[in-house]
Structure formats: structure tokens, C-alpha cells
């Protein structure tokens, strides 16, 4: 029986054509392929007509959409596989040998791929890191937001999903066929937007809590500063009153000394003996208090 598929000896994947095998090799670096009589499955969803190529894919489709009925149409589309290598464009064949030598002898310059800036900004607004969004746009053919979201959904567990892709200068990537229906992609995009919205709300709430904590801290610092200022003012007033009392005491002492001197001068002029200090009455203030 003629072969109806090509089987990857490294991972067991079944491929419909030589072109699919070449694409698989470019993506995975697998190189061990052989002709197989095992047909590639074509399980079609009876609800939305989406074709699935494996039981795993039907399970994933059921999980996403709730559709459970599938029709096996593998026999209708199975045909002997052509092992003819796709023809290369004439311009590629006619390239000078010198150019081939120069390009293979020197490593190609690698750069980040060019992607749709507007769609990239939309993906970033949905919460995707720049590297993941760029990778999704690049490997989905830079086709649309839905295609990029579809790629993220299918590859979110890839270990290198957040690494910036690097491609040779002037390289181009063709848009692959989407494995999700437009309805599924729209639903998944809505889910991702909702997830991004909730994440943004959580970040805003967290920021607001931090601001509230900062306001409380500043309020406490202001109250403490006010208390310290009032305490310093109280101490300043006490020191001022003490200084005023001391100045008043010195003034009274000067007045007392002046009165004593005047009294002694009058006694001297009258020819009286100086007054005995023991008989001198204490000097009294205006309020009658003893000095």
C-alpha cells in the first residue's frame, strides 16, 4: 500500500505533505522522516465544522467550546502522498555560486523581527510582556490580534515564550493557518482582555493602598512635628517668663540700694550717726511682700 503520510521518527508526528515535513523540520530541527501508511486524522466538529488532527486536539476543542460531537472524515481526504520536493523559484536557482559561498561562510546578522506596532501595543495593553507579544505576532505571521492571541494560547507553556525572537535581516514569515475558529479566537481574545483588565484593576488597587499608607504615614509625621513644635514653644515661653522674673528682681535690688544710699546721705547731712544695719527694716515691694 502506498504511503499516505510522512511520520517524524523523532516525535511521531504525522504530516500530510513534504512541505509540512519541511516546515516541521524548520520549527523543531527534527530530520528523521519516513513514509507511513497511517493516515492523518480528520475529525470534524459537527457543531462548528472545525477539523482536528488528533484526539488531543479534539479534547482541547471540547474543553474550550463544550462541543463533543465529531465525525471521522479521514477516509474522505486521505490520498497517496507525493514525495516530490516543492520546486524552488527560478530566481533562487539562478543565484550565483559566489553569493552562496559568501552567505554561508559568514554568519547572518540577527535582529528582532518587524511587527505591527499598533497590534503590539494592544497586546501589551492586555498585559503581555513585549517579548511574548513580539514572538506571538512574528510566529502568527504578523496577521492580526486574534491570530497572535491564538498563538499565545497554543504556546503559553513553551519554555522560551518570553524570549525575544531573533531572525535574519530581511527575513519574512508567512501567516500560518489558524488552528482555532474565528469564534474561538474571538472568545479567547475576550478572555485575555478580561484577564488583563482584572490584572490592571488589581494593580490600581494595590497602588491606591500604597498611596493610602503613605498618606497615613505623612499624617502621623505631621502630627508628631506639630507636637514637637508646641513642646518647644512651651519651653521657650517658660524660659522667657523666667528671664523676665530675673530682670524684675535685679531692678528691685537696684531700687533698694538707691533708697539705702539716699537715706544714708540724709543722715550724714543731718549729722546723725549711720544707722545700725540690725535695726533697718526689710525693704518691701509695692504689694507688701518682704524682699
C-alpha atoms as a PDB file:
ATOM      1  CA  UNK A   1       0.000   0.000   0.000  1.00  0.00           C
ATOM      2  CA  UNK A   2       1.300   3.459  -0.931  1.00  0.00           C
ATOM      3  CA  UNK A   3       2.143   5.811   1.874  1.00  0.00           C
ATOM      4  CA  UNK A   4      -0.463   8.400   2.835  1.00  0.00           C
ATOM      5  CA  UNK A   5       1.650  10.471   5.236  1.00  0.00           C
ATOM      6  CA  UNK A   6       5.150  11.234   6.435  1.00  0.00           C
ATOM      7  CA  UNK A   7       5.998  10.301  10.009  1.00  0.00           C
ATOM      8  CA  UNK A   8       8.587  12.116  12.112  1.00  0.00           C
ATOM      9  CA  UNK A   9      10.832   9.495  13.691  1.00  0.00           C
ATOM     10  CA  UNK A  10      11.822  11.910  16.456  1.00  0.00           C
ATOM     11  CA  UNK A  11       8.406  12.868  17.845  1.00  0.00           C
ATOM     12  CA  UNK A  12       5.925  10.610  15.971  1.00  0.00           C
ATOM     13  CA  UNK A  13       4.004  13.477  14.330  1.00  0.00           C
ATOM     14  CA  UNK A  14       2.093  12.607  11.124  1.00  0.00           C
ATOM     15  CA  UNK A  15       2.389  15.091   8.261  1.00  0.00           C
ATOM     16  CA  UNK A  16       0.313  15.381   5.088  1.00  0.00           C
ATOM     17  CA  UNK A  17       2.992  16.557   2.654  1.00  0.00           C
ATOM     18  CA  UNK A  18       6.667  17.123   2.043  1.00  0.00           C
ATOM     19  CA  UNK A  19       6.078  20.840   2.615  1.00  0.00           C
ATOM     20  CA  UNK A  20       4.611  20.134   6.065  1.00  0.00           C
ATOM     21  CA  UNK A  21       7.614  17.933   6.835  1.00  0.00           C
ATOM     22  CA  UNK A  22       9.977  20.731   5.815  1.00  0.00           C
ATOM     23  CA  UNK A  23       8.069  23.227   7.971  1.00  0.00           C
ATOM     24  CA  UNK A  24       8.155  20.768  10.875  1.00  0.00           C
ATOM     25  CA  UNK A  25      11.910  20.314  10.432  1.00  0.00           C
ATOM     26  CA  UNK A  26      12.471  24.085  10.354  1.00  0.00           C
ATOM     27  CA  UNK A  27      10.450  24.532  13.542  1.00  0.00           C
ATOM     28  CA  UNK A  28      11.784  21.581  15.572  1.00  0.00           C
ATOM     29  CA  UNK A  29      15.144  20.698  13.909  1.00  0.00           C
ATOM     30  CA  UNK A  30      13.872  17.104  13.518  1.00  0.00           C
ATOM     31  CA  UNK A  31      15.262  15.387  10.421  1.00  0.00           C
ATOM     32  CA  UNK A  32      14.216  11.730  10.662  1.00  0.00           C
ATOM     33  CA  UNK A  33      11.145  11.294   8.398  1.00  0.00           C
ATOM     34  CA  UNK A  34       9.737   8.181   6.762  1.00  0.00           C
ATOM     35  CA  UNK A  35       6.763   7.294   4.569  1.00  0.00           C
ATOM     36  CA  UNK A  36       3.830   5.880   6.565  1.00  0.00           C
ATOM     37  CA  UNK A  37       0.563   4.107   5.760  1.00  0.00           C
ATOM     38  CA  UNK A  38      -1.038   5.689   8.820  1.00  0.00           C
ATOM     39  CA  UNK A  39      -3.370   8.464   7.703  1.00  0.00           C
ATOM     40  CA  UNK A  40      -3.504  11.891   9.285  1.00  0.00           C
ATOM     41  CA  UNK A  41      -6.795  12.086  11.189  1.00  0.00           C
ATOM     42  CA  UNK A  42      -9.521  14.456  10.049  1.00  0.00           C
ATOM     43  CA  UNK A  43     -12.041  14.644  12.908  1.00  0.00           C
ATOM     44  CA  UNK A  44     -14.626  17.333  12.118  1.00  0.00           C
ATOM     45  CA  UNK A  45     -16.733  19.002  14.831  1.00  0.00           C
ATOM     46  CA  UNK A  46     -20.423  18.620  13.952  1.00  0.00           C
ATOM     47  CA  UNK A  47     -21.259  21.918  15.672  1.00  0.00           C
ATOM     48  CA  UNK A  48     -18.742  24.357  14.164  1.00  0.00           C
ATOM     49  CA  UNK A  49     -17.101  22.174  11.443  1.00  0.00           C
ATOM     50  CA  UNK A  50     -13.606  22.686  12.858  1.00  0.00           C
ATOM     51  CA  UNK A  51     -11.197  19.935  11.691  1.00  0.00           C
ATOM     52  CA  UNK A  52      -8.971  18.314  14.320  1.00  0.00           C
ATOM     53  CA  UNK A  53      -5.930  16.169  13.537  1.00  0.00           C
ATOM     54  CA  UNK A  54      -5.649  14.238  16.800  1.00  0.00           C
ATOM     55  CA  UNK A  55      -7.567  13.075  19.861  1.00  0.00           C
ATOM     56  CA  UNK A  56      -5.645  15.613  21.923  1.00  0.00           C
ATOM     57  CA  UNK A  57      -6.827  18.406  19.640  1.00  0.00           C
ATOM     58  CA  UNK A  58     -10.466  17.262  19.905  1.00  0.00           C
ATOM     59  CA  UNK A  59     -10.172  17.168  23.707  1.00  0.00           C
ATOM     60  CA  UNK A  60      -8.769  20.697  23.710  1.00  0.00           C
ATOM     61  CA  UNK A  61     -11.547  21.872  21.382  1.00  0.00           C
ATOM     62  CA  UNK A  62     -14.178  20.310  23.660  1.00  0.00           C
ATOM     63  CA  UNK A  63     -12.640  21.947  26.708  1.00  0.00           C
ATOM     64  CA  UNK A  64     -12.703  25.366  25.057  1.00  0.00           C
ATOM     65  CA  UNK A  65     -16.116  25.253  23.384  1.00  0.00           C
ATOM     66  CA  UNK A  66     -18.115  22.452  25.007  1.00  0.00           C
ATOM     67  CA  UNK A  67     -18.590  20.772  21.607  1.00  0.00           C
ATOM     68  CA  UNK A  68     -18.421  16.996  21.999  1.00  0.00           C
ATOM     69  CA  UNK A  69     -19.605  15.502  18.684  1.00  0.00           C
ATOM     70  CA  UNK A  70     -17.022  14.796  15.960  1.00  0.00           C
ATOM     71  CA  UNK A  71     -17.283  12.980  12.611  1.00  0.00           C
ATOM     72  CA  UNK A  72     -14.306  10.997  11.303  1.00  0.00           C
ATOM     73  CA  UNK A  73     -13.769  12.108   7.687  1.00  0.00           C
ATOM     74  CA  UNK A  74     -10.234  10.790   7.450  1.00  0.00           C
ATOM     75  CA  UNK A  75     -11.074   8.348   4.650  1.00  0.00           C
ATOM     76  CA  UNK A  76     -12.631  11.104   2.523  1.00  0.00           C
ATOM     77  CA  UNK A  77      -9.481  13.223   2.394  1.00  0.00           C
ATOM     78  CA  UNK A  78      -6.781  10.541   2.568  1.00  0.00           C
ATOM     79  CA  UNK A  79      -4.756  10.123  -0.628  1.00  0.00           C
ATOM     80  CA  UNK A  80      -1.296   8.797  -1.517  1.00  0.00           C
ATOM     81  CA  UNK A  81       1.372  11.250  -0.508  1.00  0.00           C
ATOM     82  CA  UNK A  82       3.547  12.871  -3.149  1.00  0.00           C
ATOM     83  CA  UNK A  83       7.239  12.732  -2.337  1.00  0.00           C
ATOM     84  CA  UNK A  84       8.101  15.357  -4.941  1.00  0.00           C
ATOM     85  CA  UNK A  85      10.125  18.175  -3.447  1.00  0.00           C
ATOM     86  CA  UNK A  86       8.443  21.571  -3.973  1.00  0.00           C
ATOM     87  CA  UNK A  87      10.010  23.494  -6.837  1.00  0.00           C
ATOM     88  CA  UNK A  88      12.272  26.329  -5.899  1.00  0.00           C
ATOM     89  CA  UNK A  89      11.688  29.670  -7.567  1.00  0.00           C
ATOM     90  CA  UNK A  90      13.840  30.316 -10.606  1.00  0.00           C
ATOM     91  CA  UNK A  91      15.429  33.365  -9.057  1.00  0.00           C
ATOM     92  CA  UNK A  92      16.669  31.187  -6.198  1.00  0.00           C
ATOM     93  CA  UNK A  93      18.159  28.616  -8.600  1.00  0.00           C
ATOM     94  CA  UNK A  94      19.913  31.248 -10.671  1.00  0.00           C
ATOM     95  CA  UNK A  95      21.688  32.812  -7.691  1.00  0.00           C
ATOM     96  CA  UNK A  96      25.457  32.986  -8.376  1.00  0.00           C
ATOM     97  CA  UNK A  97      27.563  30.416  -6.587  1.00  0.00           C
ATOM     98  CA  UNK A  98      29.763  33.175  -5.238  1.00  0.00           C
ATOM     99  CA  UNK A  99      26.801  34.672  -3.426  1.00  0.00           C
ATOM    100  CA  UNK A 100      26.019  31.277  -1.850  1.00  0.00           C
ATOM    101  CA  UNK A 101      29.580  30.980  -0.634  1.00  0.00           C
ATOM    102  CA  UNK A 102      29.569  34.467   0.841  1.00  0.00           C
ATOM    103  CA  UNK A 103      26.272  33.947   2.675  1.00  0.00           C
ATOM    104  CA  UNK A 104      27.222  30.549   4.070  1.00  0.00           C
ATOM    105  CA  UNK A 105      30.748  31.458   5.043  1.00  0.00           C
ATOM    106  CA  UNK A 106      29.664  34.444   7.147  1.00  0.00           C
ATOM    107  CA  UNK A 107      27.057  34.304   9.928  1.00  0.00           C
ATOM    108  CA  UNK A 108      23.862  36.163   9.120  1.00  0.00           C
ATOM    109  CA  UNK A 109      23.053  39.267  11.123  1.00  0.00           C
ATOM    110  CA  UNK A 110      20.195  38.548  13.535  1.00  0.00           C
ATOM    111  CA  UNK A 111      17.680  41.196  14.556  1.00  0.00           C
ATOM    112  CA  UNK A 112      14.321  41.382  16.289  1.00  0.00           C
ATOM    113  CA  UNK A 113      11.520  40.835  13.747  1.00  0.00           C
ATOM    114  CA  UNK A 114       9.422  43.702  12.421  1.00  0.00           C
ATOM    115  CA  UNK A 115       5.844  43.502  13.727  1.00  0.00           C
ATOM    116  CA  UNK A 116       2.702  45.619  13.597  1.00  0.00           C
ATOM    117  CA  UNK A 117       3.346  48.337  16.194  1.00  0.00           C
ATOM    118  CA  UNK A 118      -0.346  49.045  16.754  1.00  0.00           C
ATOM    119  CA  UNK A 119      -1.207  45.391  17.406  1.00  0.00           C
ATOM    120  CA  UNK A 120       1.904  45.097  19.593  1.00  0.00           C
ATOM    121  CA  UNK A 121       0.659  47.998  21.728  1.00  0.00           C
ATOM    122  CA  UNK A 122      -2.768  46.328  22.023  1.00  0.00           C
ATOM    123  CA  UNK A 123      -1.168  43.086  23.202  1.00  0.00           C
ATOM    124  CA  UNK A 124       0.961  44.978  25.732  1.00  0.00           C
ATOM    125  CA  UNK A 125      -2.167  46.772  26.966  1.00  0.00           C
ATOM    126  CA  UNK A 126      -3.722  43.329  27.521  1.00  0.00           C
ATOM    127  CA  UNK A 127      -0.870  42.538  29.918  1.00  0.00           C
ATOM    128  CA  UNK A 128       1.536  40.591  27.689  1.00  0.00           C
ATOM    129  CA  UNK A 129       5.289  41.286  28.022  1.00  0.00           C
ATOM    130  CA  UNK A 130       6.885  42.901  24.964  1.00  0.00           C
ATOM    131  CA  UNK A 131       8.950  39.806  24.132  1.00  0.00           C
ATOM    132  CA  UNK A 132       5.915  37.480  24.303  1.00  0.00           C
ATOM    133  CA  UNK A 133       3.757  39.846  22.245  1.00  0.00           C
ATOM    134  CA  UNK A 134       6.501  40.238  19.619  1.00  0.00           C
ATOM    135  CA  UNK A 135       7.013  36.471  19.498  1.00  0.00           C
ATOM    136  CA  UNK A 136       3.277  35.864  19.066  1.00  0.00           C
ATOM    137  CA  UNK A 137       2.972  38.396  16.234  1.00  0.00           C
ATOM    138  CA  UNK A 138       6.078  37.080  14.491  1.00  0.00           C
ATOM    139  CA  UNK A 139       5.154  33.393  14.581  1.00  0.00           C
ATOM    140  CA  UNK A 140       1.494  34.065  13.758  1.00  0.00           C
ATOM    141  CA  UNK A 141       2.580  35.814  10.580  1.00  0.00           C
ATOM    142  CA  UNK A 142       2.003  39.349  11.905  1.00  0.00           C
ATOM    143  CA  UNK A 143      -1.555  38.874  10.664  1.00  0.00           C
ATOM    144  CA  UNK A 144      -3.910  40.164  13.363  1.00  0.00           C
ATOM    145  CA  UNK A 145      -4.588  40.499  17.065  1.00  0.00           C
ATOM    146  CA  UNK A 146      -6.741  37.354  17.019  1.00  0.00           C
ATOM    147  CA  UNK A 147      -4.002  35.324  15.328  1.00  0.00           C
ATOM    148  CA  UNK A 148      -1.445  36.482  17.893  1.00  0.00           C
ATOM    149  CA  UNK A 149      -3.792  35.627  20.767  1.00  0.00           C
ATOM    150  CA  UNK A 150      -4.395  32.217  19.198  1.00  0.00           C
ATOM    151  CA  UNK A 151      -0.636  31.616  19.074  1.00  0.00           C
ATOM    152  CA  UNK A 152      -0.215  32.648  22.730  1.00  0.00           C
ATOM    153  CA  UNK A 153      -2.983  30.265  23.802  1.00  0.00           C
ATOM    154  CA  UNK A 154      -1.365  27.334  22.000  1.00  0.00           C
ATOM    155  CA  UNK A 155       2.198  28.104  23.175  1.00  0.00           C
ATOM    156  CA  UNK A 156       1.707  29.607  26.647  1.00  0.00           C
ATOM    157  CA  UNK A 157       3.602  26.666  28.193  1.00  0.00           C
ATOM    158  CA  UNK A 158       6.641  26.989  25.904  1.00  0.00           C
ATOM    159  CA  UNK A 159       9.821  27.498  27.981  1.00  0.00           C
ATOM    160  CA  UNK A 160      11.054  30.256  25.651  1.00  0.00           C
ATOM    161  CA  UNK A 161       7.742  32.099  25.234  1.00  0.00           C
ATOM    162  CA  UNK A 162       9.102  35.238  26.939  1.00  0.00           C
ATOM    163  CA  UNK A 163      12.346  35.341  24.944  1.00  0.00           C
ATOM    164  CA  UNK A 164      12.631  37.953  22.192  1.00  0.00           C
ATOM    165  CA  UNK A 165      12.760  36.123  18.822  1.00  0.00           C
ATOM    166  CA  UNK A 166      15.714  36.852  16.548  1.00  0.00           C
ATOM    167  CA  UNK A 167      15.568  36.456  12.763  1.00  0.00           C
ATOM    168  CA  UNK A 168      17.964  37.088   9.872  1.00  0.00           C
ATOM    169  CA  UNK A 169      17.844  40.556   8.362  1.00  0.00           C
ATOM    170  CA  UNK A 170      15.109  40.982   5.703  1.00  0.00           C
ATOM    171  CA  UNK A 171      13.520  37.615   6.534  1.00  0.00           C
ATOM    172  CA  UNK A 172       9.781  37.205   6.068  1.00  0.00           C
ATOM    173  CA  UNK A 173       7.302  34.890   7.774  1.00  0.00           C
ATOM    174  CA  UNK A 174       4.111  33.704   6.134  1.00  0.00           C
ATOM    175  CA  UNK A 175       0.945  33.640   8.177  1.00  0.00           C
ATOM    176  CA  UNK A 176       0.108  30.059   9.259  1.00  0.00           C
ATOM    177  CA  UNK A 177      -3.361  28.633   9.111  1.00  0.00           C
ATOM    178  CA  UNK A 178      -5.136  29.264  12.428  1.00  0.00           C
ATOM    179  CA  UNK A 179      -5.957  26.153  14.423  1.00  0.00           C
ATOM    180  CA  UNK A 180      -8.853  27.922  16.177  1.00  0.00           C
ATOM    181  CA  UNK A 181     -12.084  29.026  14.578  1.00  0.00           C
ATOM    182  CA  UNK A 182     -12.816  32.768  14.386  1.00  0.00           C
ATOM    183  CA  UNK A 183     -15.435  32.286  17.094  1.00  0.00           C
ATOM    184  CA  UNK A 184     -12.903  30.579  19.380  1.00  0.00           C
ATOM    185  CA  UNK A 185     -10.254  33.216  18.729  1.00  0.00           C
ATOM    186  CA  UNK A 186     -12.752  35.983  19.492  1.00  0.00           C
ATOM    187  CA  UNK A 187     -13.771  34.231  22.712  1.00  0.00           C
ATOM    188  CA  UNK A 188     -10.158  33.663  23.741  1.00  0.00           C
ATOM    189  CA  UNK A 189      -9.242  37.269  22.958  1.00  0.00           C
ATOM    190  CA  UNK A 190     -12.130  38.407  25.145  1.00  0.00           C
ATOM    191  CA  UNK A 191     -10.926  36.143  27.961  1.00  0.00           C
ATOM    192  CA  UNK A 192      -7.412  37.548  27.705  1.00  0.00           C
ATOM    193  CA  UNK A 193      -8.731  41.126  27.654  1.00  0.00           C
ATOM    194  CA  UNK A 194     -10.800  40.366  30.752  1.00  0.00           C
ATOM    195  CA  UNK A 195      -7.760  38.850  32.432  1.00  0.00           C
ATOM    196  CA  UNK A 196      -5.697  41.918  31.538  1.00  0.00           C
ATOM    197  CA  UNK A 197      -8.471  44.216  32.837  1.00  0.00           C
ATOM    198  CA  UNK A 198      -8.606  42.377  36.168  1.00  0.00           C
ATOM    199  CA  UNK A 199      -4.823  42.482  36.453  1.00  0.00           C
ATOM    200  CA  UNK A 200      -4.861  46.223  35.792  1.00  0.00           C
ATOM    201  CA  UNK A 201      -7.601  46.727  38.410  1.00  0.00           C
ATOM    202  CA  UNK A 202      -5.595  44.742  40.962  1.00  0.00           C
ATOM    203  CA  UNK A 203      -2.512  46.846  40.241  1.00  0.00           C
ATOM    204  CA  UNK A 204      -4.558  50.048  40.604  1.00  0.00           C
ATOM    205  CA  UNK A 205      -6.000  48.828  43.928  1.00  0.00           C
ATOM    206  CA  UNK A 206      -2.522  47.935  45.138  1.00  0.00           C
ATOM    207  CA  UNK A 207      -1.255  51.374  44.114  1.00  0.00           C
ATOM    208  CA  UNK A 208      -4.182  53.029  45.911  1.00  0.00           C
ATOM    209  CA  UNK A 209      -3.439  51.023  49.081  1.00  0.00           C
ATOM    210  CA  UNK A 210       0.190  52.107  48.919  1.00  0.00           C
ATOM    211  CA  UNK A 211      -0.897  55.733  48.492  1.00  0.00           C
ATOM    212  CA  UNK A 212      -3.242  55.438  51.484  1.00  0.00           C
ATOM    213  CA  UNK A 213      -0.432  54.007  53.615  1.00  0.00           C
ATOM    214  CA  UNK A 214       1.781  56.887  52.515  1.00  0.00           C
ATOM    215  CA  UNK A 215      -0.928  59.431  53.399  1.00  0.00           C
ATOM    216  CA  UNK A 216      -1.310  57.876  56.874  1.00  0.00           C
ATOM    217  CA  UNK A 217       2.460  57.917  57.397  1.00  0.00           C
ATOM    218  CA  UNK A 218       2.709  61.563  56.345  1.00  0.00           C
ATOM    219  CA  UNK A 219      -0.238  62.435  58.628  1.00  0.00           C
ATOM    220  CA  UNK A 220       1.478  60.814  61.615  1.00  0.00           C
ATOM    221  CA  UNK A 221       4.713  62.640  60.840  1.00  0.00           C
ATOM    222  CA  UNK A 222       2.863  65.977  60.641  1.00  0.00           C
ATOM    223  CA  UNK A 223       1.136  65.344  63.993  1.00  0.00           C
ATOM    224  CA  UNK A 224       4.458  64.446  65.607  1.00  0.00           C
ATOM    225  CA  UNK A 225       6.102  67.541  64.140  1.00  0.00           C
ATOM    226  CA  UNK A 226       3.253  69.701  65.465  1.00  0.00           C
ATOM    227  CA  UNK A 227       3.575  68.162  68.937  1.00  0.00           C
ATOM    228  CA  UNK A 228       7.322  68.806  68.988  1.00  0.00           C
ATOM    229  CA  UNK A 229       6.783  72.387  67.827  1.00  0.00           C
ATOM    230  CA  UNK A 230       4.200  73.010  70.574  1.00  0.00           C
ATOM    231  CA  UNK A 231       6.519  71.495  73.193  1.00  0.00           C
ATOM    232  CA  UNK A 232       9.392  73.707  72.050  1.00  0.00           C
ATOM    233  CA  UNK A 233       7.114  76.767  72.152  1.00  0.00           C
ATOM    234  CA  UNK A 234       6.037  75.910  75.710  1.00  0.00           C
ATOM    235  CA  UNK A 235       9.663  75.601  76.807  1.00  0.00           C
ATOM    236  CA  UNK A 236      10.507  78.890  75.103  1.00  0.00           C
ATOM    237  CA  UNK A 237       7.682  80.715  76.939  1.00  0.00           C
ATOM    238  CA  UNK A 238       8.766  79.237  80.280  1.00  0.00           C
ATOM    239  CA  UNK A 239      12.348  80.378  79.685  1.00  0.00           C
ATOM    240  CA  UNK A 240      11.082  83.843  78.698  1.00  0.00           C
ATOM    241  CA  UNK A 241       8.977  84.194  81.879  1.00  0.00           C
ATOM    242  CA  UNK A 242      11.932  83.065  83.980  1.00  0.00           C
ATOM    243  CA  UNK A 243      14.161  85.675  82.337  1.00  0.00           C
ATOM    244  CA  UNK A 244      11.531  88.378  82.931  1.00  0.00           C
ATOM    245  CA  UNK A 245      11.301  87.483  86.638  1.00  0.00           C
ATOM    246  CA  UNK A 246      15.075  87.597  86.965  1.00  0.00           C
ATOM    247  CA  UNK A 247      15.172  91.014  85.308  1.00  0.00           C
ATOM    248  CA  UNK A 248      12.421  92.256  87.631  1.00  0.00           C
ATOM    249  CA  UNK A 249      14.354  91.005  90.687  1.00  0.00           C
ATOM    250  CA  UNK A 250      17.512  92.806  89.604  1.00  0.00           C
ATOM    251  CA  UNK A 251      15.529  96.041  89.069  1.00  0.00           C
ATOM    252  CA  UNK A 252      14.055  95.875  92.590  1.00  0.00           C
ATOM    253  CA  UNK A 253      17.507  95.258  94.033  1.00  0.00           C
ATOM    254  CA  UNK A 254      18.833  98.386  92.335  1.00  0.00           C
ATOM    255  CA  UNK A 255      15.924 100.449  93.720  1.00  0.00           C
ATOM    256  CA  UNK A 256      16.567  99.150  97.240  1.00  0.00           C
ATOM    257  CA  UNK A 257      20.244 100.001  97.044  1.00  0.00           C
ATOM    258  CA  UNK A 258      19.415 103.508  95.783  1.00  0.00           C
ATOM    259  CA  UNK A 259      16.992 104.117  98.673  1.00  0.00           C
ATOM    260  CA  UNK A 260      19.589 102.958 101.202  1.00  0.00           C
ATOM    261  CA  UNK A 261      22.182 105.269  99.714  1.00  0.00           C
ATOM    262  CA  UNK A 262      19.780 108.257  99.778  1.00  0.00           C
ATOM    263  CA  UNK A 263      18.838 107.558 103.401  1.00  0.00           C
ATOM    264  CA  UNK A 264      22.474 107.306 104.480  1.00  0.00           C
ATOM    265  CA  UNK A 265      23.231 110.610 102.708  1.00  0.00           C
ATOM    266  CA  UNK A 266      20.393 112.428 104.529  1.00  0.00           C
ATOM    267  CA  UNK A 267      21.587 111.154 107.937  1.00  0.00           C
ATOM    268  CA  UNK A 268      25.094 112.305 107.124  1.00  0.00           C
ATOM    269  CA  UNK A 269      23.874 115.820 106.259  1.00  0.00           C
ATOM    270  CA  UNK A 270      21.856 115.994 109.499  1.00  0.00           C
ATOM    271  CA  UNK A 271      24.920 114.962 111.482  1.00  0.00           C
ATOM    272  CA  UNK A 272      23.363 111.727 112.620  1.00  0.00           C
ATOM    273  CA  UNK A 273      25.319 108.566 113.133  1.00  0.00           C
ATOM    274  CA  UNK A 274      24.974 105.895 110.461  1.00  0.00           C
ATOM    275  CA  UNK A 275      22.020 103.625 111.043  1.00  0.00           C
ATOM    276  CA  UNK A 276      22.702 100.258 112.629  1.00  0.00           C
ATOM    277  CA  UNK A 277      22.108  97.598 109.920  1.00  0.00           C
ATOM    278  CA  UNK A 278      20.460  95.357 112.518  1.00  0.00           C
ATOM    279  CA  UNK A 279      17.681  97.914 113.058  1.00  0.00           C
ATOM    280  CA  UNK A 280      16.995  98.515 109.346  1.00  0.00           C
ATOM    281  CA  UNK A 281      13.542  97.323 108.337  1.00  0.00           C
ATOM    282  CA  UNK A 282      13.364  94.948 105.402  1.00  0.00           C
ATOM    283  CA  UNK A 283      12.572  96.527 102.041  1.00  0.00           C
ATOM    284  CA  UNK A 284       9.019  95.818 100.965  1.00  0.00           C
ATOM    285  CA  UNK A 285       7.634  95.658  97.457  1.00  0.00           C
ATOM    286  CA  UNK A 286       4.522  97.512  96.358  1.00  0.00           C
ATOM    287  CA  UNK A 287       2.385  94.506  97.124  1.00  0.00           C
ATOM    288  CA  UNK A 288       3.641  94.376 100.709  1.00  0.00           C
ATOM    289  CA  UNK A 289       5.777  91.285 100.271  1.00  0.00           C
ATOM    290  CA  UNK A 290       9.109  91.093 102.097  1.00  0.00           C
ATOM    291  CA  UNK A 291      12.213  91.183  99.968  1.00  0.00           C
END
